[in-house]
């Protein structure tokens, strides 16, 4: 599904420098980026935001790790239908057995760190196309796109 505006991104990582770089890279592509440094803050944000987001989620975090957060999200249909998820990690080979079924159920790809920019942008674009479309602005009947000329 195509959007009239670029979808929003939620980047979640406990490393502020990674979040800073992700924000710059994604904003350079026209995305609006919100960041959180913990799994619990990310969950609270997702539960309260009205907008759909592509969520880029780190695995290693201090309070709730990325896998546990995805397990919690998977139990909340309102979150799994409104948002799309990708796991970002350098530790995926060690997590594979634990995470494969969950990631498949959520249709969440894995972006390996250090990530390639093309892979990041392609993955975000793919997930963004899976979000519910942002409706076009409504116009009153009889209103045109062009101002009347005298």
N, C-alpha and C. Protein backbone atom coordinates (compact mmCIF):
# COMPACT_ATOMS: atom_id res chain seq x y z
N UNK A 1 0.84 -1.18 0.00
CA UNK A 1 0.00 0.00 0.00
C UNK A 1 0.88 1.24 0.00
N UNK A 2 0.54 2.19 -0.80
CA UNK A 2 1.33 3.41 -0.89
C UNK A 2 0.76 4.47 0.04
N UNK A 3 1.64 5.27 0.57
CA UNK A 3 1.25 6.31 1.52
C UNK A 3 1.35 7.67 0.86
N UNK A 4 0.49 8.59 1.30
CA UNK A 4 0.57 9.97 0.82
C UNK A 4 1.72 10.69 1.50
N UNK A 5 2.08 10.27 2.68
CA UNK A 5 3.23 10.82 3.39
C UNK A 5 4.08 9.65 3.86
N UNK A 6 5.34 9.93 4.15
CA UNK A 6 6.22 8.87 4.65
C UNK A 6 5.73 8.42 6.02
N UNK A 7 5.74 7.11 6.25
CA UNK A 7 5.32 6.62 7.56
C UNK A 7 6.30 7.02 8.66
N UNK A 8 5.85 6.86 9.86
CA UNK A 8 6.67 7.19 11.03
C UNK A 8 7.50 5.97 11.45
N UNK A 9 8.65 6.27 12.02
CA UNK A 9 9.58 5.23 12.48
C UNK A 9 9.74 5.37 13.98
N UNK A 10 9.74 4.24 14.67
CA UNK A 10 10.14 4.19 16.08
C UNK A 10 11.43 3.38 16.12
N UNK A 11 12.51 4.01 16.53
CA UNK A 11 13.81 3.32 16.69
C UNK A 11 14.04 3.11 18.18
N UNK A 12 14.35 1.87 18.56
CA UNK A 12 14.52 1.53 19.97
C UNK A 12 15.89 0.88 20.16
N UNK A 13 16.73 1.54 20.94
CA UNK A 13 18.07 1.04 21.22
C UNK A 13 18.56 1.72 22.50
N UNK A 14 19.28 0.98 23.33
CA UNK A 14 19.77 1.60 24.56
C UNK A 14 21.03 2.44 24.32
N UNK A 15 21.57 2.43 23.12
CA UNK A 15 22.75 3.21 22.79
C UNK A 15 22.33 4.52 22.12
N UNK A 16 22.48 5.65 22.80
CA UNK A 16 22.04 6.93 22.24
C UNK A 16 22.75 7.29 20.93
N UNK A 17 24.00 6.85 20.77
CA UNK A 17 24.73 7.17 19.53
C UNK A 17 24.12 6.43 18.34
N UNK A 18 23.73 5.19 18.54
CA UNK A 18 23.06 4.44 17.45
C UNK A 18 21.74 5.13 17.09
N UNK A 19 20.99 5.54 18.09
CA UNK A 19 19.74 6.24 17.83
C UNK A 19 19.96 7.55 17.09
N UNK A 20 21.00 8.27 17.46
CA UNK A 20 21.33 9.53 16.80
C UNK A 20 21.61 9.30 15.31
N UNK A 21 22.44 8.29 15.02
CA UNK A 21 22.81 7.99 13.64
C UNK A 21 21.59 7.48 12.85
N UNK A 22 20.82 6.58 13.45
CA UNK A 22 19.61 6.09 12.79
C UNK A 22 18.65 7.23 12.45
N UNK A 23 18.47 8.13 13.40
CA UNK A 23 17.58 9.27 13.18
C UNK A 23 18.07 10.10 11.98
N UNK A 24 19.36 10.41 11.95
CA UNK A 24 19.89 11.21 10.84
C UNK A 24 19.70 10.49 9.51
N UNK A 25 20.01 9.20 9.48
CA UNK A 25 19.91 8.44 8.23
C UNK A 25 18.47 8.36 7.75
N UNK A 26 17.55 8.07 8.64
CA UNK A 26 16.15 7.93 8.24
C UNK A 26 15.49 9.27 7.93
N UNK A 27 15.83 10.30 8.68
CA UNK A 27 15.28 11.62 8.38
C UNK A 27 15.79 12.13 7.02
N UNK A 28 17.00 11.73 6.64
CA UNK A 28 17.53 12.13 5.33
C UNK A 28 16.70 11.52 4.20
N UNK A 29 15.94 10.47 4.50
CA UNK A 29 15.07 9.82 3.52
C UNK A 29 13.62 10.31 3.63
N UNK A 30 13.39 11.30 4.50
CA UNK A 30 12.07 11.89 4.62
C UNK A 30 11.17 11.29 5.69
N UNK A 31 11.70 10.37 6.50
CA UNK A 31 10.90 9.76 7.56
C UNK A 31 10.87 10.64 8.80
N UNK A 32 9.79 10.56 9.55
CA UNK A 32 9.70 11.16 10.88
C UNK A 32 10.10 10.07 11.86
N UNK A 33 11.06 10.36 12.72
CA UNK A 33 11.64 9.34 13.60
C UNK A 33 11.43 9.72 15.06
N UNK A 34 10.89 8.77 15.81
CA UNK A 34 10.77 8.88 17.26
C UNK A 34 11.73 7.84 17.83
N UNK A 35 12.40 8.15 18.93
CA UNK A 35 13.34 7.20 19.52
C UNK A 35 12.99 6.93 20.98
N UNK A 36 13.31 5.72 21.39
CA UNK A 36 13.19 5.31 22.79
C UNK A 36 14.43 4.51 23.15
N UNK A 37 14.86 4.60 24.42
CA UNK A 37 16.08 3.92 24.85
C UNK A 37 15.81 2.68 25.69
N UNK A 38 14.54 2.30 25.83
CA UNK A 38 14.23 1.09 26.61
C UNK A 38 13.01 0.39 26.02
N UNK A 39 12.94 -0.90 26.26
CA UNK A 39 11.80 -1.68 25.80
C UNK A 39 10.50 -1.24 26.45
N UNK A 40 10.55 -0.94 27.74
CA UNK A 40 9.32 -0.54 28.44
C UNK A 40 8.80 0.80 27.91
N UNK A 41 9.69 1.74 27.62
CA UNK A 41 9.26 3.02 27.06
C UNK A 41 8.70 2.83 25.66
N UNK A 42 9.31 1.94 24.88
CA UNK A 42 8.81 1.66 23.53
C UNK A 42 7.41 1.06 23.58
N UNK A 43 7.20 0.11 24.49
CA UNK A 43 5.89 -0.52 24.62
C UNK A 43 4.84 0.52 25.01
N UNK A 44 5.15 1.36 25.97
CA UNK A 44 4.21 2.41 26.39
C UNK A 44 3.89 3.34 25.22
N UNK A 45 4.91 3.70 24.45
CA UNK A 45 4.69 4.57 23.29
C UNK A 45 3.77 3.91 22.27
N UNK A 46 4.05 2.64 21.94
CA UNK A 46 3.24 1.93 20.95
C UNK A 46 1.80 1.75 21.40
N UNK A 47 1.60 1.57 22.69
CA UNK A 47 0.25 1.38 23.22
C UNK A 47 -0.57 2.66 23.23
N UNK A 48 0.10 3.81 23.19
CA UNK A 48 -0.62 5.08 23.30
C UNK A 48 -0.64 5.92 22.03
N UNK A 49 0.22 5.63 21.07
CA UNK A 49 0.24 6.44 19.86
C UNK A 49 -0.92 6.07 18.94
N UNK A 50 -1.47 7.07 18.29
CA UNK A 50 -2.56 6.83 17.36
C UNK A 50 -2.05 6.47 15.97
N UNK A 51 -0.80 6.82 15.68
CA UNK A 51 -0.23 6.58 14.36
C UNK A 51 0.43 5.21 14.28
N UNK A 52 0.44 4.66 13.06
CA UNK A 52 1.18 3.43 12.79
C UNK A 52 2.66 3.76 12.63
N UNK A 53 3.49 2.81 13.05
CA UNK A 53 4.95 3.00 12.97
C UNK A 53 5.63 1.75 12.44
N UNK A 54 6.73 1.97 11.75
CA UNK A 54 7.70 0.91 11.50
C UNK A 54 8.63 0.95 12.70
N UNK A 55 8.79 -0.17 13.38
CA UNK A 55 9.56 -0.23 14.62
C UNK A 55 10.87 -0.97 14.36
N UNK A 56 11.98 -0.28 14.59
CA UNK A 56 13.31 -0.86 14.49
C UNK A 56 13.77 -1.12 15.91
N UNK A 57 13.92 -2.39 16.24
CA UNK A 57 14.06 -2.79 17.63
C UNK A 57 15.38 -3.51 17.88
N UNK A 58 16.18 -2.98 18.78
CA UNK A 58 17.42 -3.64 19.19
C UNK A 58 17.08 -4.82 20.10
N UNK A 59 17.99 -5.78 20.20
CA UNK A 59 17.75 -6.93 21.07
C UNK A 59 18.21 -6.63 22.50
N UNK A 60 19.44 -6.16 22.64
CA UNK A 60 20.03 -6.00 23.97
C UNK A 60 19.64 -4.64 24.55
N UNK A 61 18.78 -4.70 25.58
CA UNK A 61 18.36 -3.48 26.27
C UNK A 61 18.28 -3.78 27.76
N UNK A 62 18.38 -2.76 28.60
CA UNK A 62 18.50 -3.01 30.03
C UNK A 62 17.26 -3.55 30.74
N UNK A 63 16.08 -3.15 30.32
CA UNK A 63 14.90 -3.56 31.09
C UNK A 63 14.16 -4.73 30.44
N UNK A 64 13.72 -4.55 29.24
CA UNK A 64 13.04 -5.61 28.48
C UNK A 64 13.84 -5.79 27.20
N UNK A 65 14.38 -6.99 26.97
CA UNK A 65 15.14 -7.16 25.73
C UNK A 65 14.18 -7.21 24.54
N UNK A 66 14.73 -7.07 23.36
CA UNK A 66 13.92 -6.98 22.16
C UNK A 66 13.05 -8.20 21.91
N UNK A 67 13.55 -9.39 22.21
CA UNK A 67 12.77 -10.61 22.01
C UNK A 67 11.58 -10.63 22.98
N UNK A 68 11.83 -10.32 24.25
CA UNK A 68 10.74 -10.29 25.23
C UNK A 68 9.71 -9.22 24.86
N UNK A 69 10.18 -8.09 24.36
CA UNK A 69 9.25 -7.04 23.93
C UNK A 69 8.39 -7.53 22.77
N UNK A 70 8.99 -8.20 21.80
CA UNK A 70 8.21 -8.73 20.68
C UNK A 70 7.22 -9.80 21.15
N UNK A 71 7.61 -10.59 22.14
CA UNK A 71 6.67 -11.58 22.70
C UNK A 71 5.47 -10.90 23.33
N UNK A 72 5.69 -9.81 24.04
CA UNK A 72 4.61 -9.03 24.63
C UNK A 72 3.73 -8.42 23.54
N UNK A 73 4.35 -7.83 22.54
CA UNK A 73 3.63 -7.20 21.44
C UNK A 73 2.78 -8.24 20.70
N UNK A 74 3.32 -9.44 20.52
CA UNK A 74 2.61 -10.50 19.79
C UNK A 74 1.30 -10.88 20.48
N UNK A 75 1.19 -10.63 21.77
CA UNK A 75 -0.04 -10.94 22.51
C UNK A 75 -1.06 -9.80 22.47
N UNK A 76 -0.72 -8.71 21.79
CA UNK A 76 -1.62 -7.56 21.70
C UNK A 76 -1.97 -7.30 20.23
N UNK A 77 -3.07 -7.89 19.76
CA UNK A 77 -3.44 -7.74 18.34
C UNK A 77 -3.52 -6.29 17.87
N UNK A 78 -3.91 -5.38 18.74
CA UNK A 78 -3.98 -3.98 18.32
C UNK A 78 -2.60 -3.44 17.93
N UNK A 79 -1.56 -3.97 18.54
CA UNK A 79 -0.20 -3.54 18.19
C UNK A 79 0.31 -4.24 16.93
N UNK A 80 0.02 -5.52 16.80
CA UNK A 80 0.54 -6.26 15.65
C UNK A 80 -0.16 -5.88 14.35
N UNK A 81 -1.37 -5.39 14.44
CA UNK A 81 -2.06 -4.97 13.22
C UNK A 81 -1.74 -3.52 12.86
N UNK A 82 -1.40 -2.70 13.82
CA UNK A 82 -1.15 -1.28 13.57
C UNK A 82 0.30 -0.97 13.21
N UNK A 83 1.24 -1.77 13.69
CA UNK A 83 2.66 -1.48 13.50
C UNK A 83 3.34 -2.64 12.78
N UNK A 84 4.53 -2.37 12.21
CA UNK A 84 5.38 -3.40 11.61
C UNK A 84 6.74 -3.33 12.29
N UNK A 85 7.39 -4.47 12.40
CA UNK A 85 8.59 -4.59 13.23
C UNK A 85 9.76 -5.19 12.48
N UNK A 86 10.96 -4.73 12.83
CA UNK A 86 12.21 -5.34 12.38
C UNK A 86 13.14 -5.40 13.59
N UNK A 87 13.84 -6.49 13.71
CA UNK A 87 14.80 -6.67 14.79
C UNK A 87 16.18 -6.30 14.28
N UNK A 88 16.89 -5.45 15.03
CA UNK A 88 18.25 -5.05 14.66
C UNK A 88 19.22 -5.62 15.69
N UNK A 89 20.16 -6.45 15.23
CA UNK A 89 21.06 -7.09 16.17
C UNK A 89 22.33 -7.59 15.50
N UNK A 90 23.37 -7.67 16.28
CA UNK A 90 24.59 -8.34 15.85
C UNK A 90 24.65 -9.74 16.43
N UNK A 91 23.67 -10.09 17.26
CA UNK A 91 23.68 -11.37 17.99
C UNK A 91 22.67 -12.37 17.45
N UNK A 92 22.14 -12.16 16.25
CA UNK A 92 21.07 -13.02 15.76
C UNK A 92 21.44 -14.50 15.68
N UNK A 93 22.63 -14.86 15.21
CA UNK A 93 22.94 -16.30 15.16
C UNK A 93 22.78 -16.99 16.52
N UNK A 94 23.09 -16.30 17.61
CA UNK A 94 22.94 -16.89 18.95
C UNK A 94 21.48 -16.93 19.38
N UNK A 95 20.65 -16.05 18.83
CA UNK A 95 19.24 -15.96 19.23
C UNK A 95 18.32 -16.75 18.32
N UNK A 96 18.84 -17.27 17.25
CA UNK A 96 18.01 -17.83 16.19
C UNK A 96 16.95 -18.81 16.69
N UNK A 97 17.33 -19.81 17.47
CA UNK A 97 16.37 -20.82 17.91
C UNK A 97 15.24 -20.18 18.73
N UNK A 98 15.58 -19.23 19.55
CA UNK A 98 14.60 -18.57 20.41
C UNK A 98 13.66 -17.67 19.61
N UNK A 99 14.18 -17.06 18.55
CA UNK A 99 13.45 -15.98 17.90
C UNK A 99 12.75 -16.35 16.60
N UNK A 100 13.17 -17.40 15.92
CA UNK A 100 12.67 -17.67 14.58
C UNK A 100 11.15 -17.74 14.48
N UNK A 101 10.50 -18.52 15.33
CA UNK A 101 9.05 -18.65 15.23
C UNK A 101 8.33 -17.34 15.50
N UNK A 102 8.81 -16.62 16.51
CA UNK A 102 8.20 -15.33 16.84
C UNK A 102 8.35 -14.34 15.69
N UNK A 103 9.55 -14.25 15.13
CA UNK A 103 9.78 -13.33 14.02
C UNK A 103 8.94 -13.71 12.80
N UNK A 104 8.81 -15.00 12.55
CA UNK A 104 7.98 -15.45 11.43
C UNK A 104 6.52 -15.09 11.66
N UNK A 105 6.04 -15.28 12.87
CA UNK A 105 4.64 -14.95 13.19
C UNK A 105 4.35 -13.47 13.00
N UNK A 106 5.32 -12.63 13.36
CA UNK A 106 5.15 -11.18 13.22
C UNK A 106 5.59 -10.66 11.85
N UNK A 107 6.11 -11.58 11.02
CA UNK A 107 6.67 -11.20 9.72
C UNK A 107 7.69 -10.08 9.89
N UNK A 108 8.56 -10.26 10.89
CA UNK A 108 9.56 -9.25 11.25
C UNK A 108 10.93 -9.68 10.74
N UNK A 109 11.49 -8.93 9.80
CA UNK A 109 12.82 -9.27 9.32
C UNK A 109 13.90 -8.91 10.35
N UNK A 110 15.09 -9.44 10.13
CA UNK A 110 16.24 -9.14 10.98
C UNK A 110 17.22 -8.31 10.16
N UNK A 111 17.65 -7.19 10.73
CA UNK A 111 18.69 -6.36 10.13
C UNK A 111 19.94 -6.58 10.98
N UNK A 112 20.97 -7.15 10.37
CA UNK A 112 22.19 -7.45 11.11
C UNK A 112 23.04 -6.20 11.27
N UNK A 113 23.56 -6.03 12.48
CA UNK A 113 24.49 -4.93 12.78
C UNK A 113 25.92 -5.46 12.60
N UNK A 114 26.82 -4.68 12.10
CA UNK A 114 26.59 -3.33 11.56
C UNK A 114 25.78 -3.44 10.27
N UNK A 115 24.81 -2.56 10.14
CA UNK A 115 23.88 -2.67 9.03
C UNK A 115 24.37 -1.91 7.81
N UNK A 116 23.93 -2.38 6.67
CA UNK A 116 24.16 -1.74 5.39
C UNK A 116 23.01 -0.75 5.16
N UNK A 117 23.32 0.47 4.75
CA UNK A 117 22.28 1.48 4.57
C UNK A 117 21.21 1.06 3.58
N UNK A 118 21.62 0.43 2.48
CA UNK A 118 20.62 -0.01 1.50
C UNK A 118 19.68 -1.05 2.10
N UNK A 119 20.21 -1.96 2.91
CA UNK A 119 19.38 -2.96 3.58
C UNK A 119 18.41 -2.27 4.54
N UNK A 120 18.91 -1.31 5.31
CA UNK A 120 18.05 -0.57 6.24
C UNK A 120 16.93 0.13 5.49
N UNK A 121 17.27 0.90 4.47
CA UNK A 121 16.26 1.66 3.74
C UNK A 121 15.27 0.74 3.02
N UNK A 122 15.76 -0.34 2.42
CA UNK A 122 14.87 -1.28 1.73
C UNK A 122 13.92 -1.96 2.71
N UNK A 123 14.43 -2.34 3.87
CA UNK A 123 13.60 -3.01 4.88
C UNK A 123 12.53 -2.06 5.41
N UNK A 124 12.92 -0.84 5.71
CA UNK A 124 11.95 0.15 6.19
C UNK A 124 10.88 0.41 5.13
N UNK A 125 11.29 0.55 3.87
CA UNK A 125 10.32 0.79 2.80
C UNK A 125 9.35 -0.39 2.66
N UNK A 126 9.87 -1.60 2.74
CA UNK A 126 9.04 -2.80 2.64
C UNK A 126 8.01 -2.85 3.78
N UNK A 127 8.48 -2.60 5.00
CA UNK A 127 7.57 -2.62 6.15
C UNK A 127 6.57 -1.47 6.07
N UNK A 128 7.02 -0.32 5.61
CA UNK A 128 6.14 0.84 5.49
C UNK A 128 5.00 0.55 4.52
N UNK A 129 5.28 -0.19 3.45
CA UNK A 129 4.24 -0.53 2.48
C UNK A 129 3.20 -1.48 3.07
N UNK A 130 3.53 -2.14 4.16
CA UNK A 130 2.60 -3.07 4.81
C UNK A 130 1.70 -2.39 5.84
N UNK A 131 2.01 -1.14 6.18
CA UNK A 131 1.17 -0.41 7.13
C UNK A 131 -0.14 -0.01 6.48
N UNK A 132 -1.13 0.21 7.31
CA UNK A 132 -2.40 0.72 6.80
C UNK A 132 -2.14 2.08 6.15
N UNK A 133 -2.78 2.36 5.03
CA UNK A 133 -2.49 3.62 4.34
C UNK A 133 -2.95 4.83 5.14
N UNK A 134 -2.21 5.90 4.96
CA UNK A 134 -2.60 7.18 5.56
C UNK A 134 -3.61 7.80 4.61
N UNK A 135 -4.81 8.12 5.09
CA UNK A 135 -5.83 8.65 4.17
C UNK A 135 -5.43 10.00 3.61
N UNK A 136 -5.84 10.24 2.38
CA UNK A 136 -5.62 11.54 1.76
C UNK A 136 -6.48 12.57 2.47
N UNK A 137 -6.04 13.82 2.51
CA UNK A 137 -6.85 14.87 3.14
C UNK A 137 -8.21 14.97 2.44
N UNK A 138 -9.25 15.15 3.23
CA UNK A 138 -10.60 15.27 2.67
C UNK A 138 -10.87 16.71 2.29
N UNK A 139 -11.58 16.86 1.19
CA UNK A 139 -11.97 18.19 0.72
C UNK A 139 -13.49 18.28 0.71
N UNK A 140 -13.98 19.45 0.98
CA UNK A 140 -15.42 19.67 0.90
C UNK A 140 -15.85 19.59 -0.57
N UNK A 141 -17.07 19.13 -0.83
CA UNK A 141 -17.55 19.07 -2.21
C UNK A 141 -17.45 20.43 -2.87
N UNK A 142 -17.02 20.41 -4.12
CA UNK A 142 -16.91 21.66 -4.88
C UNK A 142 -15.62 22.40 -4.68
N UNK A 143 -14.76 21.95 -3.79
CA UNK A 143 -13.47 22.62 -3.57
C UNK A 143 -12.45 22.02 -4.52
N UNK A 144 -11.71 22.87 -5.20
CA UNK A 144 -10.69 22.38 -6.14
C UNK A 144 -9.31 22.55 -5.54
N UNK A 145 -8.35 21.99 -6.24
CA UNK A 145 -6.95 22.11 -5.80
C UNK A 145 -6.36 23.47 -6.12
N UNK A 146 -6.97 24.19 -7.04
CA UNK A 146 -6.40 25.46 -7.49
C UNK A 146 -7.23 26.62 -6.98
N UNK A 147 -6.57 27.68 -6.54
CA UNK A 147 -7.34 28.85 -6.10
C UNK A 147 -8.04 29.49 -7.27
N UNK A 148 -9.18 30.06 -7.00
CA UNK A 148 -9.95 30.75 -8.05
C UNK A 148 -9.17 31.96 -8.54
N UNK A 149 -9.24 32.20 -9.82
CA UNK A 149 -8.58 33.38 -10.37
C UNK A 149 -9.62 34.44 -10.65
N UNK A 150 -9.20 35.68 -10.54
CA UNK A 150 -10.14 36.78 -10.75
C UNK A 150 -10.17 37.21 -12.17
